[in-house]
Amino acid sequence: MSNMIDKEESALPDISEDMLQEAVEAADKQQVAAIVESISSQDVLRQASQMKSEERGQLISILEPEAAAELIEEAPAGLAATMIEGLDSSVAARARANACMTR
């Protein structure tokens, strides 16, 4: 029984990755938020690093500004830059403002 649970738990990141990708592509704000809240920020960043740059921008645009700012802050510099480079200026400004407020 324990092995079955271990196998199921190890499969969850792959399922979440597919689900996150699909939710981003569908611009499903609620689903993206639920997935991001259910996995670690490191897992979100790992998955974001595997997305195309426009998908990363979509992910950041979909997230609430606080969550987007937190994710960008935790990202390595190169990934953070690609996450914000294609953003609409109003989205980037909201994320930046929230990042400054949380410091």
C-alpha atoms as a PDB file:
ATOM      1  CA  MET A   1       0.000   0.000   0.000  1.00  0.00           C
ATOM      2  CA  SER A   2       2.819   2.388   0.868  1.00  0.00           C
ATOM      3  CA  ASN A   3       4.422   1.889  -2.557  1.00  0.00           C
ATOM      4  CA  MET A   4       1.140   2.771  -4.239  1.00  0.00           C
ATOM      5  CA  ILE A   5       0.972   6.052  -2.324  1.00  0.00           C
ATOM      6  CA  ASP A   6       4.606   6.844  -3.142  1.00  0.00           C
ATOM      7  CA  LYS A   7       3.944   6.227  -6.847  1.00  0.00           C
ATOM      8  CA  GLU A   8       0.844   8.399  -6.782  1.00  0.00           C
ATOM      9  CA  GLU A   9       2.678  11.214  -4.998  1.00  0.00           C
ATOM     10  CA  SER A  10       5.581  11.094  -7.434  1.00  0.00           C
ATOM     11  CA  ALA A  11       3.151  11.386 -10.356  1.00  0.00           C
ATOM     12  CA  LEU A  12       1.528  14.559  -8.995  1.00  0.00           C
ATOM     13  CA  PRO A  13       4.108  17.074 -10.301  1.00  0.00           C
ATOM     14  CA  ASP A  14       3.668  15.747 -13.851  1.00  0.00           C
ATOM     15  CA  ILE A  15      -0.094  15.986 -13.561  1.00  0.00           C
ATOM     16  CA  SER A  16       0.180  19.492 -12.100  1.00  0.00           C
ATOM     17  CA  GLU A  17       2.586  20.501 -14.854  1.00  0.00           C
ATOM     18  CA  ASP A  18       0.154  19.424 -17.553  1.00  0.00           C
ATOM     19  CA  MET A  19      -2.689  21.058 -15.682  1.00  0.00           C
ATOM     20  CA  LEU A  20      -0.781  24.317 -15.222  1.00  0.00           C
ATOM     21  CA  GLN A  21       0.188  24.400 -18.890  1.00  0.00           C
ATOM     22  CA  GLU A  22      -3.414  23.761 -19.961  1.00  0.00           C
ATOM     23  CA  ALA A  23      -4.807  26.334 -17.528  1.00  0.00           C
ATOM     24  CA  VAL A  24      -2.348  28.966 -18.788  1.00  0.00           C
ATOM     25  CA  GLU A  25      -3.185  28.182 -22.411  1.00  0.00           C
ATOM     26  CA  ALA A  26      -6.917  28.446 -21.595  1.00  0.00           C
ATOM     27  CA  ALA A  27      -6.307  31.650 -19.584  1.00  0.00           C
ATOM     28  CA  ASP A  28      -8.234  30.025 -16.720  1.00  0.00           C
ATOM     29  CA  LYS A  29      -7.390  32.401 -13.884  1.00  0.00           C
ATOM     30  CA  GLN A  30      -9.063  30.344 -11.157  1.00  0.00           C
ATOM     31  CA  GLN A  31      -7.403  27.098 -12.224  1.00  0.00           C
ATOM     32  CA  VAL A  32      -3.969  28.735 -12.512  1.00  0.00           C
ATOM     33  CA  ALA A  33      -4.343  30.282  -9.052  1.00  0.00           C
ATOM     34  CA  ALA A  34      -5.460  26.967  -7.544  1.00  0.00           C
ATOM     35  CA  ILE A  35      -2.547  25.084  -9.083  1.00  0.00           C
ATOM     36  CA  VAL A  36       0.029  27.712  -8.088  1.00  0.00           C
ATOM     37  CA  GLU A  37      -1.287  27.675  -4.519  1.00  0.00           C
ATOM     38  CA  SER A  38      -1.186  23.870  -4.359  1.00  0.00           C
ATOM     39  CA  ILE A  39       2.468  23.414  -5.364  1.00  0.00           C
ATOM     40  CA  SER A  40       5.693  24.992  -4.162  1.00  0.00           C
ATOM     41  CA  SER A  41       6.989  28.149  -5.789  1.00  0.00           C
ATOM     42  CA  GLN A  42      10.072  26.182  -6.856  1.00  0.00           C
ATOM     43  CA  ASP A  43       7.823  23.747  -8.737  1.00  0.00           C
ATOM     44  CA  VAL A  44       5.989  26.644 -10.375  1.00  0.00           C
ATOM     45  CA  LEU A  45       9.311  28.199 -11.381  1.00  0.00           C
ATOM     46  CA  ARG A  46      10.579  24.883 -12.746  1.00  0.00           C
ATOM     47  CA  GLN A  47       7.444  24.535 -14.828  1.00  0.00           C
ATOM     48  CA  ALA A  48       7.593  28.167 -15.942  1.00  0.00           C
ATOM     49  CA  SER A  49      11.172  27.668 -17.089  1.00  0.00           C
ATOM     50  CA  GLN A  50       9.940  24.953 -19.442  1.00  0.00           C
ATOM     51  CA  MET A  51       7.228  27.151 -20.975  1.00  0.00           C
ATOM     52  CA  LYS A  52       7.611  29.329 -24.038  1.00  0.00           C
ATOM     53  CA  SER A  53       8.260  32.979 -23.159  1.00  0.00           C
ATOM     54  CA  GLU A  54       4.758  34.056 -24.212  1.00  0.00           C
ATOM     55  CA  GLU A  55       3.284  31.353 -21.951  1.00  0.00           C
ATOM     56  CA  ARG A  56       5.402  32.601 -19.037  1.00  0.00           C
ATOM     57  CA  GLY A  57       4.084  36.092 -19.687  1.00  0.00           C
ATOM     58  CA  GLN A  58       0.551  34.728 -19.774  1.00  0.00           C
ATOM     59  CA  LEU A  59       1.152  32.947 -16.453  1.00  0.00           C
ATOM     60  CA  ILE A  60       2.371  36.151 -14.792  1.00  0.00           C
ATOM     61  CA  SER A  61      -0.491  38.153 -16.314  1.00  0.00           C
ATOM     62  CA  ILE A  62      -3.076  35.681 -15.019  1.00  0.00           C
ATOM     63  CA  LEU A  63      -1.752  35.630 -11.454  1.00  0.00           C
ATOM     64  CA  GLU A  64      -2.802  38.167  -8.866  1.00  0.00           C
ATOM     65  CA  PRO A  65      -0.146  40.902  -8.683  1.00  0.00           C
ATOM     66  CA  GLU A  66       1.031  39.751  -5.249  1.00  0.00           C
ATOM     67  CA  ALA A  67       1.527  36.169  -6.419  1.00  0.00           C
ATOM     68  CA  ALA A  68       3.208  37.333  -9.632  1.00  0.00           C
ATOM     69  CA  ALA A  69       5.594  39.595  -7.713  1.00  0.00           C
ATOM     70  CA  GLU A  70       6.456  36.828  -5.266  1.00  0.00           C
ATOM     71  CA  LEU A  71       7.138  34.384  -8.078  1.00  0.00           C
ATOM     72  CA  ILE A  72       9.304  36.860  -9.983  1.00  0.00           C
ATOM     73  CA  GLU A  73      11.263  37.685  -6.816  1.00  0.00           C
ATOM     74  CA  GLU A  74      12.022  34.018  -6.181  1.00  0.00           C
ATOM     75  CA  ALA A  75      13.034  33.301  -9.775  1.00  0.00           C
ATOM     76  CA  PRO A  76      16.669  33.236 -10.850  1.00  0.00           C
ATOM     77  CA  ALA A  77      17.615  36.516 -12.570  1.00  0.00           C
ATOM     78  CA  GLY A  78      17.503  35.148 -16.121  1.00  0.00           C
ATOM     79  CA  LEU A  79      14.116  33.531 -15.668  1.00  0.00           C
ATOM     80  CA  ALA A  80      12.741  36.596 -13.891  1.00  0.00           C
ATOM     81  CA  ALA A  81      13.817  38.747 -16.824  1.00  0.00           C
ATOM     82  CA  THR A  82      12.065  36.503 -19.338  1.00  0.00           C
ATOM     83  CA  MET A  83       8.963  36.429 -17.143  1.00  0.00           C
ATOM     84  CA  ILE A  84       8.578  40.209 -17.239  1.00  0.00           C
ATOM     85  CA  GLU A  85      10.051  41.190 -20.599  1.00  0.00           C
ATOM     86  CA  GLY A  86       6.874  40.696 -22.619  1.00  0.00           C
ATOM     87  CA  LEU A  87       4.385  41.833 -20.009  1.00  0.00           C
ATOM     88  CA  ASP A  88       1.934  44.623 -20.549  1.00  0.00           C
ATOM     89  CA  SER A  89       3.332  47.664 -18.732  1.00  0.00           C
ATOM     90  CA  SER A  90       0.333  47.879 -16.386  1.00  0.00           C
ATOM     91  CA  VAL A  91       0.780  44.246 -15.291  1.00  0.00           C
ATOM     92  CA  ALA A  92       4.505  44.746 -14.770  1.00  0.00           C
ATOM     93  CA  ALA A  93       3.864  47.928 -12.785  1.00  0.00           C
ATOM     94  CA  ARG A  94       1.345  46.185 -10.508  1.00  0.00           C
ATOM     95  CA  ALA A  95       3.751  43.303  -9.892  1.00  0.00           C
ATOM     96  CA  ARG A  96       6.589  45.732  -9.202  1.00  0.00           C
ATOM     97  CA  ALA A  97       4.458  47.799  -6.825  1.00  0.00           C
ATOM     98  CA  ASN A  98       3.452  44.691  -4.916  1.00  0.00           C
ATOM     99  CA  ALA A  99       7.055  43.521  -4.735  1.00  0.00           C
ATOM    100  CA  CYS A 100       8.084  46.846  -3.220  1.00  0.00           C
ATOM    101  CA  MET A 101       5.228  46.765  -0.705  1.00  0.00           C
ATOM    102  CA  THR A 102       6.108  43.264   0.529  1.00  0.00           C
ATOM    103  CA  ARG A 103       9.744  44.108   1.280  1.00  0.00           C
END
